[in-house]
Amino acid sequence: MQNARKFRDRMDEEGLLGTIDIFFCPQGSSKQDWLTAYKWGLQQDWINVIGFSKIAVPNAFLENYTDDQGIKEARHMAYDYLKEKGLLIKPIHCLGQGDPTEFAYYDHPMMRSTDSVYPVFAASLGQDFTVDHTTRTPTPHNFLETFDMSSVNPELIESNIQFLFNQVGKDLWKK
């Protein structure tokens, strides 16, 4: 929350506040801490989009969170809680993905987007989502900067992206 306020102040100083949408990604070492940060983000009129981190949400909602696992399950738990409490009132962007079937679960219009590189990374490992969509290999943080894409099968990338697209649905994809 402190970093978000600093960012807001910087945008204000540069005359950019109000000209761009500001994205806030709640953090917390427990479910309660994460929910406090999430609710704080909802109360800030200058925050336009809330992020569901593939790291922060599992860390807050799963007791034994380990490296890039349980993303889908934890975000479903967060989504269910927020939906039940009427707290899905700002657009939600999912940072990354676990199991690509995660997105088929969301039926609320505030669940708007994801930015996952995982369909490409999975293809680089030879993983075809139509055969195996549950195996989760942690994505290296520097994947896009260091990986040579020339050896990756472009048809497999397209197939994985199409699988994800089919899970999300055309209406959500356009948002």
N, C-alpha and C. Protein backbone atom coordinates (compact mmCIF):
# COMPACT_ATOMS: atom_id res chain seq x y z
N MET A 1 0.84 -1.18 0.00
CA MET A 1 0.00 0.00 0.00
C MET A 1 0.89 1.24 0.00
N GLN A 2 2.00 1.14 0.72
CA GLN A 2 2.94 2.26 0.75
C GLN A 2 3.51 2.51 -0.66
N ASN A 3 3.88 1.44 -1.36
CA ASN A 3 4.40 1.60 -2.73
C ASN A 3 3.34 2.18 -3.65
N ALA A 4 2.10 1.77 -3.49
CA ALA A 4 1.02 2.31 -4.32
C ALA A 4 0.85 3.80 -4.09
N ARG A 5 0.91 4.22 -2.83
CA ARG A 5 0.79 5.66 -2.54
C ARG A 5 1.95 6.44 -3.14
N LYS A 6 3.17 5.88 -3.05
CA LYS A 6 4.33 6.55 -3.65
C LYS A 6 4.16 6.67 -5.16
N PHE A 7 3.65 5.60 -5.77
CA PHE A 7 3.43 5.63 -7.21
C PHE A 7 2.38 6.68 -7.57
N ARG A 8 1.29 6.71 -6.81
CA ARG A 8 0.25 7.71 -7.05
C ARG A 8 0.83 9.12 -6.95
N ASP A 9 1.63 9.36 -5.91
CA ASP A 9 2.24 10.68 -5.73
C ASP A 9 3.14 11.04 -6.91
N ARG A 10 3.91 10.06 -7.38
CA ARG A 10 4.78 10.32 -8.52
C ARG A 10 3.96 10.64 -9.77
N MET A 11 2.90 9.88 -10.00
CA MET A 11 2.04 10.15 -11.16
C MET A 11 1.42 11.54 -11.06
N ASP A 12 1.05 11.94 -9.84
CA ASP A 12 0.48 13.27 -9.62
C ASP A 12 1.52 14.34 -9.92
N GLU A 13 2.75 14.16 -9.41
CA GLU A 13 3.83 15.13 -9.65
C GLU A 13 4.13 15.28 -11.13
N GLU A 14 4.01 14.20 -11.88
CA GLU A 14 4.32 14.23 -13.31
C GLU A 14 3.11 14.61 -14.16
N GLY A 15 1.98 14.93 -13.50
CA GLY A 15 0.79 15.32 -14.22
C GLY A 15 0.09 14.18 -14.93
N LEU A 16 0.35 12.95 -14.50
CA LEU A 16 -0.22 11.79 -15.17
C LEU A 16 -1.39 11.17 -14.41
N LEU A 17 -1.58 11.55 -13.16
CA LEU A 17 -2.67 10.99 -12.38
C LEU A 17 -3.99 11.40 -13.04
N GLY A 18 -4.83 10.44 -13.26
CA GLY A 18 -6.09 10.70 -13.92
C GLY A 18 -6.04 10.53 -15.43
N THR A 19 -4.84 10.32 -15.97
CA THR A 19 -4.73 10.12 -17.42
C THR A 19 -4.45 8.66 -17.78
N ILE A 20 -4.09 7.86 -16.78
CA ILE A 20 -3.83 6.43 -17.00
C ILE A 20 -4.56 5.62 -15.93
N ASP A 21 -4.85 4.37 -16.24
CA ASP A 21 -5.42 3.47 -15.24
C ASP A 21 -4.31 2.93 -14.37
N ILE A 22 -4.52 2.97 -13.08
CA ILE A 22 -3.52 2.48 -12.13
C ILE A 22 -3.94 1.10 -11.65
N PHE A 23 -2.97 0.20 -11.68
CA PHE A 23 -3.13 -1.20 -11.33
C PHE A 23 -2.51 -1.42 -9.95
N PHE A 24 -3.23 -2.11 -9.08
CA PHE A 24 -2.76 -2.39 -7.72
C PHE A 24 -2.81 -3.88 -7.48
N CYS A 25 -1.73 -4.43 -6.96
CA CYS A 25 -1.66 -5.87 -6.70
C CYS A 25 -1.51 -6.08 -5.19
N PRO A 26 -2.59 -6.48 -4.52
CA PRO A 26 -2.53 -6.68 -3.07
C PRO A 26 -1.50 -7.75 -2.68
N GLN A 27 -0.84 -7.51 -1.57
CA GLN A 27 0.13 -8.44 -1.01
C GLN A 27 -0.27 -8.72 0.44
N GLY A 28 0.24 -9.81 0.98
CA GLY A 28 -0.01 -10.11 2.38
C GLY A 28 0.54 -11.46 2.75
N SER A 29 1.00 -11.58 3.98
CA SER A 29 1.56 -12.86 4.42
C SER A 29 0.49 -13.80 4.96
N SER A 30 -0.74 -13.32 5.03
CA SER A 30 -1.87 -14.15 5.47
C SER A 30 -3.10 -13.73 4.67
N LYS A 31 -4.13 -14.55 4.76
CA LYS A 31 -5.38 -14.22 4.08
C LYS A 31 -5.90 -12.88 4.58
N GLN A 32 -5.86 -12.66 5.88
CA GLN A 32 -6.37 -11.41 6.44
C GLN A 32 -5.57 -10.21 5.96
N ASP A 33 -4.25 -10.33 5.92
CA ASP A 33 -3.41 -9.23 5.43
C ASP A 33 -3.72 -8.93 3.96
N TRP A 34 -3.85 -10.00 3.16
CA TRP A 34 -4.15 -9.82 1.74
C TRP A 34 -5.51 -9.15 1.56
N LEU A 35 -6.51 -9.60 2.33
CA LEU A 35 -7.85 -9.01 2.23
C LEU A 35 -7.85 -7.55 2.67
N THR A 36 -7.06 -7.22 3.67
CA THR A 36 -6.95 -5.82 4.11
C THR A 36 -6.40 -4.97 2.96
N ALA A 37 -5.36 -5.47 2.31
CA ALA A 37 -4.77 -4.73 1.20
C ALA A 37 -5.76 -4.64 0.03
N TYR A 38 -6.46 -5.73 -0.26
CA TYR A 38 -7.45 -5.74 -1.34
C TYR A 38 -8.54 -4.70 -1.07
N LYS A 39 -9.09 -4.71 0.14
CA LYS A 39 -10.17 -3.77 0.48
C LYS A 39 -9.66 -2.33 0.44
N TRP A 40 -8.43 -2.13 0.86
CA TRP A 40 -7.83 -0.79 0.78
C TRP A 40 -7.80 -0.34 -0.68
N GLY A 41 -7.39 -1.24 -1.59
CA GLY A 41 -7.34 -0.91 -3.01
C GLY A 41 -8.71 -0.54 -3.56
N LEU A 42 -9.75 -1.22 -3.08
CA LEU A 42 -11.11 -0.90 -3.53
C LEU A 42 -11.52 0.50 -3.10
N GLN A 43 -11.03 0.95 -1.96
CA GLN A 43 -11.42 2.25 -1.41
C GLN A 43 -10.70 3.42 -2.08
N GLN A 44 -9.66 3.15 -2.83
CA GLN A 44 -8.88 4.22 -3.46
C GLN A 44 -9.47 4.52 -4.84
N ASP A 45 -10.03 5.69 -5.00
CA ASP A 45 -10.67 6.01 -6.28
C ASP A 45 -9.66 6.13 -7.43
N TRP A 46 -8.40 6.28 -7.13
CA TRP A 46 -7.36 6.40 -8.16
C TRP A 46 -6.83 5.03 -8.61
N ILE A 47 -7.23 3.96 -7.94
CA ILE A 47 -6.86 2.60 -8.36
C ILE A 47 -7.99 2.07 -9.23
N ASN A 48 -7.64 1.68 -10.46
CA ASN A 48 -8.65 1.26 -11.42
C ASN A 48 -8.78 -0.25 -11.59
N VAL A 49 -7.68 -0.98 -11.40
CA VAL A 49 -7.65 -2.42 -11.63
C VAL A 49 -6.91 -3.08 -10.48
N ILE A 50 -7.42 -4.25 -10.05
CA ILE A 50 -6.79 -5.03 -8.98
C ILE A 50 -6.16 -6.26 -9.60
N GLY A 51 -4.95 -6.60 -9.16
CA GLY A 51 -4.25 -7.78 -9.67
C GLY A 51 -4.37 -8.96 -8.74
N PHE A 52 -4.60 -10.13 -9.33
CA PHE A 52 -4.55 -11.41 -8.62
C PHE A 52 -3.21 -12.04 -8.96
N SER A 53 -2.24 -11.86 -8.10
CA SER A 53 -0.90 -12.38 -8.33
C SER A 53 -0.89 -13.90 -8.25
N LYS A 54 -0.05 -14.52 -9.10
CA LYS A 54 0.11 -15.97 -9.05
C LYS A 54 1.00 -16.37 -7.87
N ILE A 55 1.57 -15.39 -7.20
CA ILE A 55 2.41 -15.65 -6.02
C ILE A 55 1.71 -15.19 -4.75
N ALA A 56 1.23 -13.95 -4.72
CA ALA A 56 0.65 -13.38 -3.50
C ALA A 56 -0.63 -14.09 -3.09
N VAL A 57 -1.51 -14.41 -4.03
CA VAL A 57 -2.78 -15.04 -3.67
C VAL A 57 -2.55 -16.44 -3.09
N PRO A 58 -1.76 -17.32 -3.75
CA PRO A 58 -1.50 -18.62 -3.12
C PRO A 58 -0.79 -18.50 -1.77
N ASN A 59 0.12 -17.55 -1.66
CA ASN A 59 0.83 -17.36 -0.40
C ASN A 59 -0.14 -17.00 0.72
N ALA A 60 -1.17 -16.23 0.41
CA ALA A 60 -2.14 -15.80 1.41
C ALA A 60 -3.22 -16.84 1.69
N PHE A 61 -3.63 -17.59 0.67
CA PHE A 61 -4.79 -18.48 0.81
C PHE A 61 -4.44 -19.95 1.02
N LEU A 62 -3.20 -20.35 0.77
CA LEU A 62 -2.81 -21.74 0.96
C LEU A 62 -1.81 -21.85 2.10
N GLU A 63 -2.01 -22.81 2.96
CA GLU A 63 -1.12 -22.96 4.13
C GLU A 63 0.28 -23.41 3.74
N ASN A 64 0.38 -24.31 2.79
CA ASN A 64 1.69 -24.86 2.42
C ASN A 64 2.07 -24.48 1.00
N TYR A 65 1.97 -23.20 0.69
CA TYR A 65 2.29 -22.74 -0.66
C TYR A 65 3.76 -23.01 -0.99
N THR A 66 3.98 -23.58 -2.18
CA THR A 66 5.33 -23.78 -2.66
C THR A 66 5.41 -23.34 -4.12
N ASP A 67 6.51 -22.82 -4.48
CA ASP A 67 6.93 -22.35 -5.79
C ASP A 67 5.99 -22.65 -6.96
N ASP A 68 5.16 -21.71 -7.32
CA ASP A 68 4.33 -21.76 -8.53
C ASP A 68 3.32 -22.91 -8.54
N GLN A 69 2.89 -23.38 -7.40
CA GLN A 69 1.90 -24.45 -7.34
C GLN A 69 0.65 -23.94 -6.62
N GLY A 70 -0.49 -24.50 -6.92
CA GLY A 70 -1.73 -24.12 -6.24
C GLY A 70 -2.30 -22.78 -6.67
N ILE A 71 -1.86 -22.27 -7.80
CA ILE A 71 -2.31 -20.95 -8.27
C ILE A 71 -3.81 -20.96 -8.52
N LYS A 72 -4.26 -21.92 -9.31
CA LYS A 72 -5.69 -22.01 -9.64
C LYS A 72 -6.53 -22.17 -8.39
N GLU A 73 -6.16 -23.09 -7.52
CA GLU A 73 -6.95 -23.36 -6.32
C GLU A 73 -7.03 -22.14 -5.41
N ALA A 74 -5.91 -21.47 -5.21
CA ALA A 74 -5.89 -20.30 -4.33
C ALA A 74 -6.69 -19.14 -4.92
N ARG A 75 -6.54 -18.91 -6.21
CA ARG A 75 -7.28 -17.81 -6.81
C ARG A 75 -8.77 -18.12 -6.86
N HIS A 76 -9.14 -19.38 -7.00
CA HIS A 76 -10.56 -19.73 -6.91
C HIS A 76 -11.08 -19.46 -5.50
N MET A 77 -10.27 -19.76 -4.48
CA MET A 77 -10.68 -19.47 -3.11
C MET A 77 -10.88 -17.97 -2.91
N ALA A 78 -9.93 -17.17 -3.39
CA ALA A 78 -10.03 -15.72 -3.26
C ALA A 78 -11.26 -15.21 -4.01
N TYR A 79 -11.44 -15.67 -5.23
CA TYR A 79 -12.59 -15.27 -6.05
C TYR A 79 -13.90 -15.62 -5.36
N ASP A 80 -14.01 -16.85 -4.87
CA ASP A 80 -15.25 -17.28 -4.19
C ASP A 80 -15.55 -16.39 -2.99
N TYR A 81 -14.52 -16.11 -2.20
CA TYR A 81 -14.70 -15.28 -1.01
C TYR A 81 -15.17 -13.88 -1.41
N LEU A 82 -14.47 -13.28 -2.37
CA LEU A 82 -14.80 -11.91 -2.79
C LEU A 82 -16.18 -11.84 -3.44
N LYS A 83 -16.52 -12.84 -4.22
CA LYS A 83 -17.83 -12.87 -4.87
C LYS A 83 -18.93 -13.00 -3.82
N GLU A 84 -18.74 -13.90 -2.85
CA GLU A 84 -19.73 -14.11 -1.79
C GLU A 84 -19.94 -12.85 -0.96
N LYS A 85 -18.88 -12.09 -0.74
CA LYS A 85 -18.95 -10.88 0.08
C LYS A 85 -19.31 -9.63 -0.72
N GLY A 86 -19.53 -9.77 -2.02
CA GLY A 86 -19.87 -8.61 -2.86
C GLY A 86 -18.69 -7.68 -3.07
N LEU A 87 -17.48 -8.21 -3.07
CA LEU A 87 -16.28 -7.39 -3.17
C LEU A 87 -15.62 -7.41 -4.55
N LEU A 88 -16.30 -7.95 -5.54
CA LEU A 88 -15.78 -7.89 -6.91
C LEU A 88 -16.37 -6.66 -7.58
N ILE A 89 -15.79 -5.50 -7.27
CA ILE A 89 -16.37 -4.25 -7.75
C ILE A 89 -15.42 -3.43 -8.62
N LYS A 90 -14.18 -3.89 -8.73
CA LYS A 90 -13.22 -3.29 -9.67
C LYS A 90 -12.71 -4.41 -10.57
N PRO A 91 -12.31 -4.08 -11.79
CA PRO A 91 -11.79 -5.11 -12.68
C PRO A 91 -10.61 -5.85 -12.07
N ILE A 92 -10.57 -7.17 -12.29
CA ILE A 92 -9.50 -8.03 -11.79
C ILE A 92 -8.68 -8.53 -12.98
N HIS A 93 -7.37 -8.41 -12.86
CA HIS A 93 -6.44 -8.94 -13.85
C HIS A 93 -5.61 -10.03 -13.17
N CYS A 94 -5.59 -11.23 -13.76
CA CYS A 94 -4.80 -12.34 -13.22
C CYS A 94 -3.39 -12.29 -13.79
N LEU A 95 -2.43 -12.15 -12.90
CA LEU A 95 -1.03 -12.14 -13.32
C LEU A 95 -0.58 -13.59 -13.44
N GLY A 96 -0.29 -14.00 -14.66
CA GLY A 96 0.15 -15.36 -14.90
C GLY A 96 -0.99 -16.36 -14.80
N GLN A 97 -0.62 -17.63 -14.84
CA GLN A 97 -1.60 -18.70 -14.74
C GLN A 97 -0.96 -19.92 -14.13
N GLY A 98 -1.77 -20.78 -13.61
CA GLY A 98 -1.35 -22.11 -13.22
C GLY A 98 -1.92 -23.04 -14.27
N ASP A 99 -2.88 -23.82 -13.89
CA ASP A 99 -3.63 -24.68 -14.79
C ASP A 99 -4.51 -23.77 -15.65
N PRO A 100 -4.43 -23.87 -16.99
CA PRO A 100 -5.20 -22.95 -17.83
C PRO A 100 -6.71 -23.12 -17.71
N THR A 101 -7.17 -24.20 -17.10
CA THR A 101 -8.61 -24.34 -16.89
C THR A 101 -9.10 -23.43 -15.77
N GLU A 102 -8.18 -22.80 -15.06
CA GLU A 102 -8.54 -21.85 -14.00
C GLU A 102 -9.56 -20.83 -14.47
N PHE A 103 -9.39 -20.31 -15.67
CA PHE A 103 -10.17 -19.18 -16.13
C PHE A 103 -11.60 -19.53 -16.51
N ALA A 104 -11.88 -20.79 -16.80
CA ALA A 104 -13.25 -21.22 -17.12
C ALA A 104 -14.17 -21.07 -15.91
N TYR A 105 -13.61 -21.02 -14.73
CA TYR A 105 -14.36 -20.96 -13.47
C TYR A 105 -15.00 -19.59 -13.24
N TYR A 106 -14.36 -18.56 -13.74
CA TYR A 106 -14.79 -17.20 -13.44
C TYR A 106 -15.99 -16.81 -14.28
N ASP A 107 -17.07 -16.43 -13.61
CA ASP A 107 -18.27 -16.02 -14.33
C ASP A 107 -18.69 -14.58 -14.00
N HIS A 108 -17.88 -13.90 -13.25
CA HIS A 108 -18.20 -12.52 -12.87
C HIS A 108 -17.56 -11.56 -13.87
N PRO A 109 -18.29 -10.53 -14.31
CA PRO A 109 -17.75 -9.61 -15.32
C PRO A 109 -16.52 -8.82 -14.88
N MET A 110 -16.24 -8.76 -13.59
CA MET A 110 -15.05 -8.04 -13.14
C MET A 110 -13.76 -8.84 -13.37
N MET A 111 -13.87 -10.13 -13.66
CA MET A 111 -12.70 -10.95 -13.97
C MET A 111 -12.40 -10.72 -15.45
N ARG A 112 -11.44 -9.84 -15.73
CA ARG A 112 -11.33 -9.34 -17.09
C ARG A 112 -10.18 -9.87 -17.93
N SER A 113 -9.03 -10.27 -17.32
CA SER A 113 -7.88 -10.55 -18.17
C SER A 113 -6.79 -11.32 -17.45
N THR A 114 -5.85 -11.82 -18.26
CA THR A 114 -4.61 -12.43 -17.76
C THR A 114 -3.49 -12.03 -18.70
N ASP A 115 -2.26 -12.11 -18.21
CA ASP A 115 -1.10 -11.76 -19.04
C ASP A 115 -0.10 -12.91 -19.09
N SER A 116 -0.57 -14.12 -19.00
CA SER A 116 0.30 -15.26 -18.85
C SER A 116 1.18 -15.55 -20.06
N VAL A 117 2.43 -15.87 -19.79
CA VAL A 117 3.36 -16.35 -20.79
C VAL A 117 3.40 -17.88 -20.76
N TYR A 118 2.64 -18.47 -19.83
CA TYR A 118 2.74 -19.91 -19.63
C TYR A 118 2.41 -20.76 -20.86
N PRO A 119 1.43 -20.40 -21.70
CA PRO A 119 1.22 -21.22 -22.89
C PRO A 119 2.46 -21.33 -23.78
N VAL A 120 3.26 -20.27 -23.83
CA VAL A 120 4.50 -20.27 -24.60
C VAL A 120 5.57 -21.06 -23.85
N PHE A 121 5.71 -20.81 -22.55
CA PHE A 121 6.71 -21.53 -21.77
C PHE A 121 6.43 -23.03 -21.79
N ALA A 122 5.17 -23.42 -21.59
CA ALA A 122 4.81 -24.84 -21.63
C ALA A 122 5.18 -25.45 -22.98
N ALA A 123 4.90 -24.72 -24.07
CA ALA A 123 5.27 -25.21 -25.40
C ALA A 123 6.78 -25.38 -25.53
N SER A 124 7.55 -24.49 -24.91
CA SER A 124 9.01 -24.61 -24.97
C SER A 124 9.49 -25.88 -24.27
N LEU A 125 8.67 -26.42 -23.37
CA LEU A 125 8.99 -27.67 -22.68
C LEU A 125 8.36 -28.88 -23.38
N GLY A 126 7.63 -28.61 -24.47
CA GLY A 126 6.95 -29.68 -25.19
C GLY A 126 5.60 -30.05 -24.62
N GLN A 127 5.09 -29.24 -23.69
CA GLN A 127 3.80 -29.54 -23.06
C GLN A 127 2.66 -29.06 -23.94
N ASP A 128 1.77 -29.98 -24.26
CA ASP A 128 0.59 -29.70 -25.08
C ASP A 128 -0.61 -29.67 -24.14
N PHE A 129 -1.26 -28.53 -23.99
CA PHE A 129 -2.39 -28.40 -23.07
C PHE A 129 -3.55 -29.33 -23.41
N THR A 130 -3.68 -29.71 -24.67
CA THR A 130 -4.78 -30.62 -25.01
C THR A 130 -4.53 -32.02 -24.46
N VAL A 131 -3.28 -32.32 -24.14
CA VAL A 131 -2.91 -33.62 -23.58
C VAL A 131 -2.69 -33.51 -22.07
N ASP A 132 -2.02 -32.43 -21.64
CA ASP A 132 -1.67 -32.24 -20.23
C ASP A 132 -1.77 -30.76 -19.89
N HIS A 133 -2.83 -30.38 -19.20
CA HIS A 133 -2.97 -28.98 -18.79
C HIS A 133 -2.79 -28.80 -17.29
N THR A 134 -2.43 -29.87 -16.58
CA THR A 134 -2.31 -29.76 -15.12
C THR A 134 -0.87 -29.70 -14.63
N THR A 135 0.08 -30.16 -15.43
CA THR A 135 1.48 -30.09 -14.99
C THR A 135 1.90 -28.62 -14.95
N ARG A 136 2.51 -28.22 -13.84
CA ARG A 136 2.94 -26.83 -13.68
C ARG A 136 4.43 -26.81 -13.37
N THR A 137 5.20 -26.29 -14.30
CA THR A 137 6.63 -26.09 -14.10
C THR A 137 6.83 -24.61 -13.79
N PRO A 138 7.51 -24.28 -12.68
CA PRO A 138 7.70 -22.86 -12.36
C PRO A 138 8.35 -22.10 -13.52
N THR A 139 7.77 -20.97 -13.84
CA THR A 139 8.29 -20.13 -14.91
C THR A 139 9.49 -19.34 -14.40
N PRO A 140 10.64 -19.46 -15.09
CA PRO A 140 11.79 -18.64 -14.67
C PRO A 140 11.45 -17.16 -14.79
N HIS A 141 11.88 -16.38 -13.83
CA HIS A 141 11.56 -14.94 -13.83
C HIS A 141 12.12 -14.21 -15.04
N ASN A 142 13.20 -14.72 -15.60
CA ASN A 142 13.83 -14.06 -16.74
C ASN A 142 13.53 -14.78 -18.06
N PHE A 143 12.47 -15.56 -18.10
CA PHE A 143 12.16 -16.38 -19.28
C PHE A 143 12.16 -15.58 -20.57
N LEU A 144 11.43 -14.49 -20.60
CA LEU A 144 11.30 -13.71 -21.84
C LEU A 144 12.60 -13.04 -22.27
N GLU A 145 13.45 -12.75 -21.31
CA GLU A 145 14.71 -12.06 -21.63
C GLU A 145 15.79 -13.02 -22.11
N THR A 146 15.72 -14.29 -21.71
CA THR A 146 16.85 -15.18 -21.97
C THR A 146 16.54 -16.35 -22.89
N PHE A 147 15.28 -16.63 -23.15
CA PHE A 147 14.94 -17.84 -23.88
C PHE A 147 15.00 -17.62 -25.39
N ASP A 148 15.57 -18.57 -26.09
CA ASP A 148 15.63 -18.54 -27.55
C ASP A 148 14.40 -19.26 -28.09
N MET A 149 13.48 -18.51 -28.65
CA MET A 149 12.21 -19.05 -29.14
C MET A 149 12.34 -19.80 -30.46
N SER A 150 13.48 -19.73 -31.10
CA SER A 150 13.61 -20.33 -32.43
C SER A 150 13.43 -21.84 -32.43
N SER A 151 13.65 -22.49 -31.30
CA SER A 151 13.52 -23.95 -31.25
C SER A 151 12.14 -24.42 -30.79
N VAL A 152 11.23 -23.49 -30.51
CA VAL A 152 9.90 -23.86 -30.02
C VAL A 152 8.95 -24.04 -31.19
N ASN A 153 8.18 -25.09 -31.14
CA ASN A 153 7.21 -25.41 -32.18
C ASN A 153 6.09 -24.35 -32.17
N PRO A 154 5.99 -23.52 -33.21
CA PRO A 154 4.96 -22.47 -33.23
C PRO A 154 3.54 -23.03 -33.24
N GLU A 155 3.35 -24.21 -33.82
CA GLU A 155 2.02 -24.83 -33.81
C GLU A 155 1.60 -25.21 -32.39
N LEU A 156 2.56 -25.66 -31.60
CA LEU A 156 2.25 -26.02 -30.21
C LEU A 156 1.93 -24.77 -29.40
N ILE A 157 2.64 -23.69 -29.65
CA ILE A 157 2.32 -22.42 -28.99
C ILE A 157 0.89 -22.03 -29.34
N GLU A 158 0.57 -22.04 -30.62
CA GLU A 158 -0.78 -21.69 -31.07
C GLU A 158 -1.83 -22.60 -30.46
N SER A 159 -1.54 -23.90 -30.38
CA SER A 159 -2.48 -24.85 -29.80
C SER A 159 -2.72 -24.54 -28.32
N ASN A 160 -1.65 -24.24 -27.59
CA ASN A 160 -1.78 -23.91 -26.16
C ASN A 160 -2.57 -22.61 -25.97
N ILE A 161 -2.30 -21.64 -26.81
CA ILE A 161 -3.04 -20.37 -26.72
C ILE A 161 -4.51 -20.61 -27.05
N GLN A 162 -4.79 -21.42 -28.06
CA GLN A 162 -6.17 -21.74 -28.41
C GLN A 162 -6.87 -22.47 -27.27
N PHE A 163 -6.16 -23.38 -26.61
CA PHE A 163 -6.73 -24.08 -25.45
C PHE A 163 -7.13 -23.06 -24.38
N LEU A 164 -6.23 -22.13 -24.08
CA LEU A 164 -6.51 -21.09 -23.10
C LEU A 164 -7.69 -20.23 -23.56
N PHE A 165 -7.69 -19.83 -24.81
CA PHE A 165 -8.78 -19.05 -25.38
C PHE A 165 -10.11 -19.77 -25.21
N ASN A 166 -10.14 -21.07 -25.48
CA ASN A 166 -11.37 -21.85 -25.34
C ASN A 166 -11.84 -21.91 -23.89
N GLN A 167 -10.91 -21.89 -22.95
CA GLN A 167 -11.27 -21.89 -21.53
C GLN A 167 -11.87 -20.55 -21.12
N VAL A 168 -11.28 -19.49 -21.59
CA VAL A 168 -11.70 -18.15 -21.20
C VAL A 168 -13.03 -17.79 -21.84
N GLY A 169 -13.19 -18.13 -23.08
CA GLY A 169 -14.41 -17.78 -23.80
C GLY A 169 -14.23 -16.47 -24.54
N LYS A 170 -14.93 -16.35 -25.62
CA LYS A 170 -14.78 -15.18 -26.49
C LYS A 170 -15.17 -13.88 -25.81
N ASP A 171 -16.19 -13.90 -24.97
CA ASP A 171 -16.63 -12.67 -24.32
C ASP A 171 -15.56 -12.12 -23.39
N LEU A 172 -14.93 -12.97 -22.60
CA LEU A 172 -13.89 -12.51 -21.68
C LEU A 172 -12.63 -12.12 -22.42
N TRP A 173 -12.32 -12.80 -23.50
CA TRP A 173 -11.09 -12.53 -24.25
C TRP A 173 -11.06 -11.11 -24.78
N LYS A 174 -12.19 -10.59 -25.22
CA LYS A 174 -12.25 -9.25 -25.82
C LYS A 174 -12.03 -8.16 -24.80
N LYS A 175 -12.33 -8.41 -23.54
CA LYS A 175 -12.20 -7.38 -22.53
C LYS A 175 -10.77 -7.12 -22.27
